[in-house]
Amino acid sequence: MSQFFQIHPQNPQPRLIKQAVEIIKKGGVVIYPTDSSYAVGCQMGDKSAIDKIKRLRNLDDKHNFTLMCSDLSQLGLFAKVDTGTFRLLKAHTPGPYTFILNATREVPRLLLHPKRRTIGMRVPQHPLALALLAELGEPLMSVTLILPGESEPLEDPYAIRDALEKQVDLIIDGGDGGRKASTVINLTGDEPEVVRVGCGDPTPFMVEA
């Protein structure tokens, strides 16, 4: 049975944030709100927690996982970013975008695409998510909370608890979430490629033919 924390989305209670991070550091899987929708996450090097998330979402090894970062300086430790890419990231973070980038050696191998050393990177614009990341002190391995057979994320914390309380260790109720995932932009090629349109405006990344 999972724990259920009600944390204020704009002014997160430090005591509850600290308790949530303790659960994560002990191998827990957490469901938490972001600026796009609810996500499910765990410590980035924890194989058993990652396997648990794979089963929950019915994901294969080709799924691009995301590292949720507190800021661009943290992102730069885990992704190779040149000057042009940095400018692009700076203009659109924090925000509801996931950027696919070439990973550095700091990223655990079990998170990488089996054929390409790429990783999704994201800096959310959500006080609760940022408080979690600040307390954790490292990126949180995350995927959008879309259940198998569904096309949109779960948005109601109580519905999430009813569906998943036996499958995760902690559910954070930060109010109703969004029904759209983040917009995914691939920055590993010569030009940005819009992979998935979500709640972030894709227009700035669209290359004219």
C-alpha atoms as a PDB file:
ATOM      1  CA  MET A   1       0.000   0.000   0.000  1.00  0.00           C
ATOM      2  CA  SER A   2       1.473   3.329  -1.041  1.00  0.00           C
ATOM      3  CA  GLN A   3       1.688   6.467   1.060  1.00  0.00           C
ATOM      4  CA  PHE A   4      -0.414   9.464   0.008  1.00  0.00           C
ATOM      5  CA  PHE A   5       0.967  12.957   0.668  1.00  0.00           C
ATOM      6  CA  GLN A   6      -1.069  16.097   0.082  1.00  0.00           C
ATOM      7  CA  ILE A   7       1.517  18.740  -0.774  1.00  0.00           C
ATOM      8  CA  HIS A   8       0.683  22.317  -1.694  1.00  0.00           C
ATOM      9  CA  PRO A   9       1.498  22.820  -5.410  1.00  0.00           C
ATOM     10  CA  GLN A  10       2.750  26.416  -5.011  1.00  0.00           C
ATOM     11  CA  ASN A  11       4.160  26.351  -1.465  1.00  0.00           C
ATOM     12  CA  PRO A  12       5.321  22.760  -0.841  1.00  0.00           C
ATOM     13  CA  GLN A  13       5.693  21.825   2.830  1.00  0.00           C
ATOM     14  CA  PRO A  14       9.447  21.185   3.420  1.00  0.00           C
ATOM     15  CA  ARG A  15       8.749  18.381   5.924  1.00  0.00           C
ATOM     16  CA  LEU A  16       6.682  16.410   3.383  1.00  0.00           C
ATOM     17  CA  ILE A  17       9.185  17.068   0.577  1.00  0.00           C
ATOM     18  CA  LYS A  18      11.953  15.694   2.811  1.00  0.00           C
ATOM     19  CA  GLN A  19       9.888  12.590   3.616  1.00  0.00           C
ATOM     20  CA  ALA A  20       9.127  12.066  -0.089  1.00  0.00           C
ATOM     21  CA  VAL A  21      12.823  12.213  -0.986  1.00  0.00           C
ATOM     22  CA  GLU A  22      13.662   9.730   1.788  1.00  0.00           C
ATOM     23  CA  ILE A  23      11.200   7.292   0.182  1.00  0.00           C
ATOM     24  CA  ILE A  24      12.815   7.836  -3.244  1.00  0.00           C
ATOM     25  CA  LYS A  25      16.326   7.305  -1.858  1.00  0.00           C
ATOM     26  CA  LYS A  26      15.238   4.015  -0.282  1.00  0.00           C
ATOM     27  CA  GLY A  27      14.235   2.665  -3.704  1.00  0.00           C
ATOM     28  CA  GLY A  28      10.683   3.978  -3.802  1.00  0.00           C
ATOM     29  CA  VAL A  29       8.622   4.732  -6.907  1.00  0.00           C
ATOM     30  CA  VAL A  30       6.805   8.067  -6.676  1.00  0.00           C
ATOM     31  CA  ILE A  31       3.948   9.655  -8.615  1.00  0.00           C
ATOM     32  CA  TYR A  32       4.213  13.448  -8.597  1.00  0.00           C
ATOM     33  CA  PRO A  33       2.857  16.483 -10.493  1.00  0.00           C
ATOM     34  CA  THR A  34       4.781  18.456 -13.128  1.00  0.00           C
ATOM     35  CA  ASP A  35       3.941  21.484 -15.263  1.00  0.00           C
ATOM     36  CA  SER A  36       2.472  19.205 -17.949  1.00  0.00           C
ATOM     37  CA  SER A  37       0.889  16.223 -16.190  1.00  0.00           C
ATOM     38  CA  TYR A  38       1.511  13.694 -13.434  1.00  0.00           C
ATOM     39  CA  ALA A  39       4.697  11.656 -13.833  1.00  0.00           C
ATOM     40  CA  VAL A  40       6.075   8.526 -12.216  1.00  0.00           C
ATOM     41  CA  GLY A  41       9.695   8.563 -11.114  1.00  0.00           C
ATOM     42  CA  CYS A  42      12.511   6.993  -9.110  1.00  0.00           C
ATOM     43  CA  GLN A  43      16.208   7.392  -8.396  1.00  0.00           C
ATOM     44  CA  MET A  44      18.065   7.259 -11.710  1.00  0.00           C
ATOM     45  CA  GLY A  45      20.414   4.378 -10.918  1.00  0.00           C
ATOM     46  CA  ASP A  46      17.904   2.126  -9.157  1.00  0.00           C
ATOM     47  CA  LYS A  47      17.361  -0.890 -11.416  1.00  0.00           C
ATOM     48  CA  SER A  48      14.580  -2.538  -9.415  1.00  0.00           C
ATOM     49  CA  ALA A  49      12.596   0.730  -9.201  1.00  0.00           C
ATOM     50  CA  ILE A  50      13.085   1.332 -12.938  1.00  0.00           C
ATOM     51  CA  ASP A  51      11.923  -2.225 -13.690  1.00  0.00           C
ATOM     52  CA  LYS A  52       8.841  -1.554 -11.562  1.00  0.00           C
ATOM     53  CA  ILE A  53       8.060   1.558 -13.635  1.00  0.00           C
ATOM     54  CA  LYS A  54       8.582  -0.388 -16.877  1.00  0.00           C
ATOM     55  CA  ARG A  55       6.023  -2.948 -15.743  1.00  0.00           C
ATOM     56  CA  LEU A  56       3.595  -0.250 -14.618  1.00  0.00           C
ATOM     57  CA  ARG A  57       3.774   1.534 -17.974  1.00  0.00           C
ATOM     58  CA  ASN A  58       4.381  -1.629 -20.036  1.00  0.00           C
ATOM     59  CA  LEU A  59       7.529  -0.117 -21.565  1.00  0.00           C
ATOM     60  CA  ASP A  60      10.199  -1.886 -23.604  1.00  0.00           C
ATOM     61  CA  ASP A  61      13.943  -1.203 -23.655  1.00  0.00           C
ATOM     62  CA  LYS A  62      13.597   1.205 -26.577  1.00  0.00           C
ATOM     63  CA  HIS A  63      11.615   3.754 -24.570  1.00  0.00           C
ATOM     64  CA  ASN A  64      13.455   7.030 -24.064  1.00  0.00           C
ATOM     65  CA  PHE A  65      13.497   7.734 -20.349  1.00  0.00           C
ATOM     66  CA  THR A  66      13.633  11.292 -19.055  1.00  0.00           C
ATOM     67  CA  LEU A  67      15.842  12.820 -16.413  1.00  0.00           C
ATOM     68  CA  MET A  68      13.889  15.559 -14.632  1.00  0.00           C
ATOM     69  CA  CYS A  69      16.440  18.242 -13.727  1.00  0.00           C
ATOM     70  CA  SER A  70      16.340  21.198 -11.346  1.00  0.00           C
ATOM     71  CA  ASP A  71      18.064  23.580 -13.775  1.00  0.00           C
ATOM     72  CA  LEU A  72      20.250  23.833 -16.880  1.00  0.00           C
ATOM     73  CA  SER A  73      23.519  23.451 -14.971  1.00  0.00           C
ATOM     74  CA  GLN A  74      22.375  20.065 -13.689  1.00  0.00           C
ATOM     75  CA  LEU A  75      21.149  19.114 -17.162  1.00  0.00           C
ATOM     76  CA  GLY A  76      24.594  19.930 -18.553  1.00  0.00           C
ATOM     77  CA  LEU A  77      26.203  17.247 -16.369  1.00  0.00           C
ATOM     78  CA  PHE A  78      24.151  14.513 -18.012  1.00  0.00           C
ATOM     79  CA  ALA A  79      23.768  15.707 -21.634  1.00  0.00           C
ATOM     80  CA  LYS A  80      26.206  16.946 -24.279  1.00  0.00           C
ATOM     81  CA  VAL A  81      25.182  20.510 -25.028  1.00  0.00           C
ATOM     82  CA  ASP A  82      26.937  22.815 -27.517  1.00  0.00           C
ATOM     83  CA  THR A  83      26.522  26.595 -27.602  1.00  0.00           C
ATOM     84  CA  GLY A  84      23.618  26.648 -30.072  1.00  0.00           C
ATOM     85  CA  THR A  85      21.743  23.928 -28.181  1.00  0.00           C
ATOM     86  CA  PHE A  86      22.351  25.719 -24.877  1.00  0.00           C
ATOM     87  CA  ARG A  87      20.781  28.918 -26.241  1.00  0.00           C
ATOM     88  CA  LEU A  88      17.744  26.954 -27.399  1.00  0.00           C
ATOM     89  CA  LEU A  89      17.409  25.217 -24.017  1.00  0.00           C
ATOM     90  CA  LYS A  90      17.829  28.487 -22.123  1.00  0.00           C
ATOM     91  CA  ALA A  91      15.004  30.070 -24.107  1.00  0.00           C
ATOM     92  CA  HIS A  92      12.556  27.214 -23.383  1.00  0.00           C
ATOM     93  CA  THR A  93      13.389  26.046 -19.862  1.00  0.00           C
ATOM     94  CA  PRO A  94      11.899  25.708 -17.403  1.00  0.00           C
ATOM     95  CA  GLY A  95       8.803  24.598 -19.280  1.00  0.00           C
ATOM     96  CA  PRO A  96       6.682  21.690 -20.549  1.00  0.00           C
ATOM     97  CA  TYR A  97       9.297  20.341 -22.980  1.00  0.00           C
ATOM     98  CA  THR A  98      11.349  17.155 -23.003  1.00  0.00           C
ATOM     99  CA  PHE A  99      14.550  17.406 -25.034  1.00  0.00           C
ATOM    100  CA  ILE A 100      16.241  14.299 -26.461  1.00  0.00           C
ATOM    101  CA  LEU A 101      19.987  14.848 -26.211  1.00  0.00           C
ATOM    102  CA  ASN A 102      23.185  12.833 -26.458  1.00  0.00           C
ATOM    103  CA  ALA A 103      24.008  11.527 -22.996  1.00  0.00           C
ATOM    104  CA  THR A 104      27.277  11.922 -21.110  1.00  0.00           C
ATOM    105  CA  ARG A 105      28.916   9.077 -19.194  1.00  0.00           C
ATOM    106  CA  GLU A 106      27.194  10.281 -16.028  1.00  0.00           C
ATOM    107  CA  VAL A 107      23.913   8.733 -17.223  1.00  0.00           C
ATOM    108  CA  PRO A 108      23.435   5.133 -16.002  1.00  0.00           C
ATOM    109  CA  ARG A 109      23.555   2.692 -18.923  1.00  0.00           C
ATOM    110  CA  LEU A 110      20.212   1.133 -18.004  1.00  0.00           C
ATOM    111  CA  LEU A 111      18.468   4.428 -18.889  1.00  0.00           C
ATOM    112  CA  LEU A 112      19.970   4.755 -22.358  1.00  0.00           C
ATOM    113  CA  HIS A 113      18.405   3.769 -25.669  1.00  0.00           C
ATOM    114  CA  PRO A 114      20.050   0.422 -26.614  1.00  0.00           C
ATOM    115  CA  LYS A 115      21.252   1.658 -30.016  1.00  0.00           C
ATOM    116  CA  ARG A 116      21.668   5.383 -29.419  1.00  0.00           C
ATOM    117  CA  ARG A 117      23.287   6.962 -26.363  1.00  0.00           C
ATOM    118  CA  THR A 118      20.408   9.399 -25.975  1.00  0.00           C
ATOM    119  CA  ILE A 119      18.356  10.519 -23.006  1.00  0.00           C
ATOM    120  CA  GLY A 120      15.329  12.729 -22.493  1.00  0.00           C
ATOM    121  CA  MET A 121      16.032  15.820 -20.387  1.00  0.00           C
ATOM    122  CA  ARG A 122      13.518  18.157 -18.809  1.00  0.00           C
ATOM    123  CA  VAL A 123      13.425  21.180 -16.455  1.00  0.00           C
ATOM    124  CA  PRO A 124       9.852  21.537 -15.167  1.00  0.00           C
ATOM    125  CA  GLN A 125       8.200  24.820 -14.251  1.00  0.00           C
ATOM    126  CA  HIS A 126       6.401  23.509 -11.186  1.00  0.00           C
ATOM    127  CA  PRO A 127       7.270  24.536  -7.589  1.00  0.00           C
ATOM    128  CA  LEU A 128       6.484  21.111  -6.111  1.00  0.00           C
ATOM    129  CA  ALA A 129       8.545  19.198  -8.678  1.00  0.00           C
ATOM    130  CA  LEU A 130      11.434  21.663  -8.306  1.00  0.00           C
ATOM    131  CA  ALA A 131      11.313  21.357  -4.498  1.00  0.00           C
ATOM    132  CA  LEU A 132      11.578  17.561  -4.838  1.00  0.00           C
ATOM    133  CA  LEU A 133      14.540  17.876  -7.203  1.00  0.00           C
ATOM    134  CA  ALA A 134      16.316  20.398  -4.978  1.00  0.00           C
ATOM    135  CA  GLU A 135      15.990  18.116  -1.946  1.00  0.00           C
ATOM    136  CA  LEU A 136      17.049  15.036  -3.951  1.00  0.00           C
ATOM    137  CA  GLY A 137      20.148  16.817  -5.291  1.00  0.00           C
ATOM    138  CA  GLU A 138      20.182  14.894  -8.574  1.00  0.00           C
ATOM    139  CA  PRO A 139      17.832  14.308 -11.531  1.00  0.00           C
ATOM    140  CA  LEU A 140      14.763  12.141 -11.017  1.00  0.00           C
ATOM    141  CA  MET A 141      14.237   9.375 -13.581  1.00  0.00           C
ATOM    142  CA  SER A 142      10.711   9.964 -14.896  1.00  0.00           C
ATOM    143  CA  VAL A 143       8.077   9.015 -17.435  1.00  0.00           C
ATOM    144  CA  THR A 144       4.607  10.472 -17.994  1.00  0.00           C
ATOM    145  CA  LEU A 145       1.863   8.660 -16.066  1.00  0.00           C
ATOM    146  CA  ILE A 146       0.009   7.164 -19.039  1.00  0.00           C
ATOM    147  CA  LEU A 147      -1.308   3.697 -18.271  1.00  0.00           C
ATOM    148  CA  PRO A 148      -1.199   0.869 -20.853  1.00  0.00           C
ATOM    149  CA  GLY A 149      -4.044   1.210 -23.365  1.00  0.00           C
ATOM    150  CA  GLU A 150      -4.583   4.893 -22.551  1.00  0.00           C
ATOM    151  CA  SER A 151      -3.579   7.877 -24.697  1.00  0.00           C
ATOM    152  CA  GLU A 152      -3.692  10.598 -22.045  1.00  0.00           C
ATOM    153  CA  PRO A 153      -2.156  10.913 -18.569  1.00  0.00           C
ATOM    154  CA  LEU A 154      -4.147  10.354 -15.385  1.00  0.00           C
ATOM    155  CA  GLU A 155      -5.010  13.753 -13.854  1.00  0.00           C
ATOM    156  CA  ASP A 156      -7.009  13.145 -10.644  1.00  0.00           C
ATOM    157  CA  PRO A 157      -4.807  12.213  -7.629  1.00  0.00           C
ATOM    158  CA  TYR A 158      -7.643  10.201  -6.043  1.00  0.00           C
ATOM    159  CA  ALA A 159      -8.229   8.234  -9.261  1.00  0.00           C
ATOM    160  CA  ILE A 160      -4.474   7.650  -9.379  1.00  0.00           C
ATOM    161  CA  ARG A 161      -4.573   6.327  -5.804  1.00  0.00           C
ATOM    162  CA  ASP A 162      -7.501   4.008  -6.610  1.00  0.00           C
ATOM    163  CA  ALA A 163      -5.704   2.613  -9.670  1.00  0.00           C
ATOM    164  CA  LEU A 164      -2.110   2.396  -8.466  1.00  0.00           C
ATOM    165  CA  GLU A 165      -1.847   2.421  -4.665  1.00  0.00           C
ATOM    166  CA  LYS A 166      -0.606  -1.185  -4.618  1.00  0.00           C
ATOM    167  CA  GLN A 167       1.955  -0.627  -7.399  1.00  0.00           C
ATOM    168  CA  VAL A 168       3.923   2.410  -6.206  1.00  0.00           C
ATOM    169  CA  ASP A 169       5.426   3.563  -2.915  1.00  0.00           C
ATOM    170  CA  LEU A 170       4.232   7.165  -2.813  1.00  0.00           C
ATOM    171  CA  ILE A 171       1.533   9.240  -4.512  1.00  0.00           C
ATOM    172  CA  ILE A 172       1.820  13.012  -4.132  1.00  0.00           C
ATOM    173  CA  ASP A 173      -1.448  14.885  -4.403  1.00  0.00           C
ATOM    174  CA  GLY A 174      -0.523  18.294  -5.793  1.00  0.00           C
ATOM    175  CA  GLY A 175      -4.005  19.044  -7.103  1.00  0.00           C
ATOM    176  CA  ASP A 176      -5.471  18.104 -10.469  1.00  0.00           C
ATOM    177  CA  GLY A 177      -2.839  17.580 -13.170  1.00  0.00           C
ATOM    178  CA  GLY A 178      -2.878  18.281 -16.887  1.00  0.00           C
ATOM    179  CA  ARG A 179      -4.192  15.869 -19.484  1.00  0.00           C
ATOM    180  CA  LYS A 180      -1.340  16.411 -21.921  1.00  0.00           C
ATOM    181  CA  ALA A 181       2.208  15.154 -21.725  1.00  0.00           C
ATOM    182  CA  SER A 182       5.202  17.387 -22.453  1.00  0.00           C
ATOM    183  CA  THR A 183       6.175  18.269 -26.017  1.00  0.00           C
ATOM    184  CA  VAL A 184       9.201  16.168 -27.066  1.00  0.00           C
ATOM    185  CA  ILE A 185      11.953  17.766 -29.167  1.00  0.00           C
ATOM    186  CA  ASN A 186      14.899  15.772 -30.557  1.00  0.00           C
ATOM    187  CA  LEU A 187      18.044  17.928 -30.561  1.00  0.00           C
ATOM    188  CA  THR A 188      20.537  15.226 -31.596  1.00  0.00           C
ATOM    189  CA  GLY A 189      20.388  15.978 -35.340  1.00  0.00           C
ATOM    190  CA  ASP A 190      21.305  18.970 -37.486  1.00  0.00           C
ATOM    191  CA  GLU A 191      17.890  20.557 -36.921  1.00  0.00           C
ATOM    192  CA  PRO A 192      15.366  20.271 -34.074  1.00  0.00           C
ATOM    193  CA  GLU A 193      12.754  17.572 -34.693  1.00  0.00           C
ATOM    194  CA  VAL A 194       9.330  17.643 -33.038  1.00  0.00           C
ATOM    195  CA  VAL A 195       8.758  14.025 -31.914  1.00  0.00           C
ATOM    196  CA  ARG A 196       5.548  14.523 -29.926  1.00  0.00           C
ATOM    197  CA  VAL A 197       3.257  17.506 -29.629  1.00  0.00           C
ATOM    198  CA  GLY A 198       2.055  17.962 -26.053  1.00  0.00           C
ATOM    199  CA  CYS A 199       1.238  21.008 -23.968  1.00  0.00           C
ATOM    200  CA  GLY A 200       4.387  22.948 -24.944  1.00  0.00           C
ATOM    201  CA  ASP A 201       4.079  25.064 -28.096  1.00  0.00           C
ATOM    202  CA  PRO A 202       6.057  23.209 -30.821  1.00  0.00           C
ATOM    203  CA  THR A 203       6.146  26.198 -33.233  1.00  0.00           C
ATOM    204  CA  PRO A 204       9.605  27.531 -32.232  1.00  0.00           C
ATOM    205  CA  PHE A 205      11.170  24.163 -33.125  1.00  0.00           C
ATOM    206  CA  MET A 206       9.482  23.600 -36.486  1.00  0.00           C
ATOM    207  CA  VAL A 207      11.876  23.884 -39.415  1.00  0.00           C
ATOM    208  CA  GLU A 208      10.402  25.395 -42.568  1.00  0.00           C
ATOM    209  CA  ALA A 209      10.685  23.146 -45.624  1.00  0.00           C
END
